[in-house]
Amino acid sequence: MRIFIVFLILFSLLSCGRGSDVQPKQKAGETEIADINYAKELDEIKKSLKGEIRIKLKKDSKGYSWEITGKDTQEILKANEMLRKRLNE
């Protein structure tokens, strides 16, 4: 009987000692504001770049990623560097 009580106490201490791995969710308003800000920055980047390039921005659980297509490789590389600098700030 004592072994059972000791086992029960140890089990309860170990199970209560662990913190939950659930991350707090952001408020809906905060995510909408962040999305609006990133959309504005993306529009600024598109306006500042000359030539015909297309930027497709994707948001996933890790952050942001993008696809850049166009005719001039130098403009594509320039746009990629600008996006990296602005989105990683």
C-alpha atoms as a PDB file:
ATOM      1  CA  MET A   1       0.000   0.000   0.000  1.00  0.00           C
ATOM      2  CA  ARG A   2       2.840   2.400   0.827  1.00  0.00           C
ATOM      3  CA  ILE A   3       4.490   1.711  -2.515  1.00  0.00           C
ATOM      4  CA  PHE A   4       1.264   2.608  -4.266  1.00  0.00           C
ATOM      5  CA  ILE A   5       0.987   5.924  -2.360  1.00  0.00           C
ATOM      6  CA  VAL A   6       4.652   6.788  -3.034  1.00  0.00           C
ATOM      7  CA  PHE A   7       4.182   5.939  -6.700  1.00  0.00           C
ATOM      8  CA  LEU A   8       1.043   8.069  -6.865  1.00  0.00           C
ATOM      9  CA  ILE A   9       2.791  11.043  -5.229  1.00  0.00           C
ATOM     10  CA  LEU A  10       5.796  10.778  -7.547  1.00  0.00           C
ATOM     11  CA  PHE A  11       3.564  10.500 -10.586  1.00  0.00           C
ATOM     12  CA  SER A  12       1.542  13.564  -9.587  1.00  0.00           C
ATOM     13  CA  LEU A  13       4.690  15.602  -8.898  1.00  0.00           C
ATOM     14  CA  LEU A  14       6.226  14.687 -12.220  1.00  0.00           C
ATOM     15  CA  SER A  15       3.098  15.338 -14.222  1.00  0.00           C
ATOM     16  CA  CYS A  16       2.420  18.696 -12.548  1.00  0.00           C
ATOM     17  CA  GLY A  17       6.032  19.831 -12.848  1.00  0.00           C
ATOM     18  CA  ARG A  18       6.033  19.964 -16.628  1.00  0.00           C
ATOM     19  CA  GLY A  19       4.908  23.175 -18.249  1.00  0.00           C
ATOM     20  CA  SER A  20       2.555  23.090 -21.149  1.00  0.00           C
ATOM     21  CA  ASP A  21       4.079  23.323 -24.626  1.00  0.00           C
ATOM     22  CA  VAL A  22       1.197  25.359 -25.971  1.00  0.00           C
ATOM     23  CA  GLN A  23       2.312  28.714 -27.301  1.00  0.00           C
ATOM     24  CA  PRO A  24       0.123  31.717 -26.631  1.00  0.00           C
ATOM     25  CA  LYS A  25      -1.889  32.810 -29.636  1.00  0.00           C
ATOM     26  CA  GLN A  26      -1.600  36.328 -30.913  1.00  0.00           C
ATOM     27  CA  LYS A  27      -4.662  38.445 -30.840  1.00  0.00           C
ATOM     28  CA  ALA A  28      -6.511  38.672 -34.125  1.00  0.00           C
ATOM     29  CA  GLY A  29      -5.997  42.426 -34.230  1.00  0.00           C
ATOM     30  CA  GLU A  30      -2.221  42.106 -33.862  1.00  0.00           C
ATOM     31  CA  THR A  31      -1.925  39.638 -36.733  1.00  0.00           C
ATOM     32  CA  GLU A  32      -4.111  41.782 -38.973  1.00  0.00           C
ATOM     33  CA  ILE A  33      -1.974  44.841 -38.220  1.00  0.00           C
ATOM     34  CA  ALA A  34       1.208  42.876 -38.940  1.00  0.00           C
ATOM     35  CA  ASP A  35      -0.241  41.592 -42.221  1.00  0.00           C
ATOM     36  CA  ILE A  36      -1.244  45.114 -43.252  1.00  0.00           C
ATOM     37  CA  ASN A  37       2.240  46.436 -42.449  1.00  0.00           C
ATOM     38  CA  TYR A  38       3.915  43.713 -44.485  1.00  0.00           C
ATOM     39  CA  ALA A  39       1.549  44.340 -47.392  1.00  0.00           C
ATOM     40  CA  LYS A  40       2.442  48.051 -47.309  1.00  0.00           C
ATOM     41  CA  GLU A  41       6.152  47.266 -47.254  1.00  0.00           C
ATOM     42  CA  LEU A  42       5.746  44.847 -50.146  1.00  0.00           C
ATOM     43  CA  ASP A  43       3.943  47.537 -52.157  1.00  0.00           C
ATOM     44  CA  GLU A  44       6.793  49.963 -51.426  1.00  0.00           C
ATOM     45  CA  ILE A  45       9.324  47.421 -52.656  1.00  0.00           C
ATOM     46  CA  LYS A  46       7.340  46.780 -55.824  1.00  0.00           C
ATOM     47  CA  LYS A  47       7.084  50.506 -56.540  1.00  0.00           C
ATOM     48  CA  SER A  48      10.791  51.130 -55.929  1.00  0.00           C
ATOM     49  CA  LEU A  49      11.915  48.384 -58.294  1.00  0.00           C
ATOM     50  CA  LYS A  50      12.060  49.156 -61.976  1.00  0.00           C
ATOM     51  CA  GLY A  51      11.291  46.565 -64.613  1.00  0.00           C
ATOM     52  CA  GLU A  52       8.961  43.671 -64.871  1.00  0.00           C
ATOM     53  CA  ILE A  53       9.228  41.368 -61.911  1.00  0.00           C
ATOM     54  CA  ARG A  54       6.544  39.597 -59.932  1.00  0.00           C
ATOM     55  CA  ILE A  55       6.766  38.950 -56.206  1.00  0.00           C
ATOM     56  CA  LYS A  56       4.528  36.359 -54.590  1.00  0.00           C
ATOM     57  CA  LEU A  57       4.668  36.567 -50.788  1.00  0.00           C
ATOM     58  CA  LYS A  58       3.732  33.494 -48.721  1.00  0.00           C
ATOM     59  CA  LYS A  59       3.199  33.276 -44.969  1.00  0.00           C
ATOM     60  CA  ASP A  60       3.633  30.011 -43.130  1.00  0.00           C
ATOM     61  CA  SER A  61       4.302  28.882 -39.579  1.00  0.00           C
ATOM     62  CA  LYS A  62       8.026  29.626 -39.842  1.00  0.00           C
ATOM     63  CA  GLY A  63       7.607  33.147 -41.181  1.00  0.00           C
ATOM     64  CA  TYR A  64       7.539  34.584 -44.654  1.00  0.00           C
ATOM     65  CA  SER A  65       8.838  33.243 -47.953  1.00  0.00           C
ATOM     66  CA  TRP A  66       8.510  34.551 -51.486  1.00  0.00           C
ATOM     67  CA  GLU A  67       8.799  33.704 -55.146  1.00  0.00           C
ATOM     68  CA  ILE A  68      10.265  36.236 -57.555  1.00  0.00           C
ATOM     69  CA  THR A  69       9.903  35.890 -61.311  1.00  0.00           C
ATOM     70  CA  GLY A  70      11.043  38.174 -64.070  1.00  0.00           C
ATOM     71  CA  LYS A  71      13.179  38.612 -67.161  1.00  0.00           C
ATOM     72  CA  ASP A  72      16.271  40.359 -65.750  1.00  0.00           C
ATOM     73  CA  THR A  73      18.276  38.296 -63.279  1.00  0.00           C
ATOM     74  CA  GLN A  74      19.990  41.340 -61.756  1.00  0.00           C
ATOM     75  CA  GLU A  75      16.631  42.893 -60.870  1.00  0.00           C
ATOM     76  CA  ILE A  76      15.462  39.606 -59.363  1.00  0.00           C
ATOM     77  CA  LEU A  77      18.565  39.352 -57.179  1.00  0.00           C
ATOM     78  CA  LYS A  78      18.186  42.993 -56.136  1.00  0.00           C
ATOM     79  CA  ALA A  79      14.547  42.426 -55.187  1.00  0.00           C
ATOM     80  CA  ASN A  80      15.482  39.306 -53.223  1.00  0.00           C
ATOM     81  CA  GLU A  81      18.085  41.218 -51.182  1.00  0.00           C
ATOM     82  CA  MET A  82      15.649  44.052 -50.484  1.00  0.00           C
ATOM     83  CA  LEU A  83      12.991  41.602 -49.280  1.00  0.00           C
ATOM     84  CA  ARG A  84      15.466  39.832 -47.007  1.00  0.00           C
ATOM     85  CA  LYS A  85      16.583  43.091 -45.433  1.00  0.00           C
ATOM     86  CA  ARG A  86      13.104  44.489 -44.906  1.00  0.00           C
ATOM     87  CA  LEU A  87      11.328  41.357 -43.703  1.00  0.00           C
ATOM     88  CA  ASN A  88      14.103  40.289 -41.347  1.00  0.00           C
ATOM     89  CA  GLU A  89      14.284  43.628 -39.512  1.00  0.00           C
END
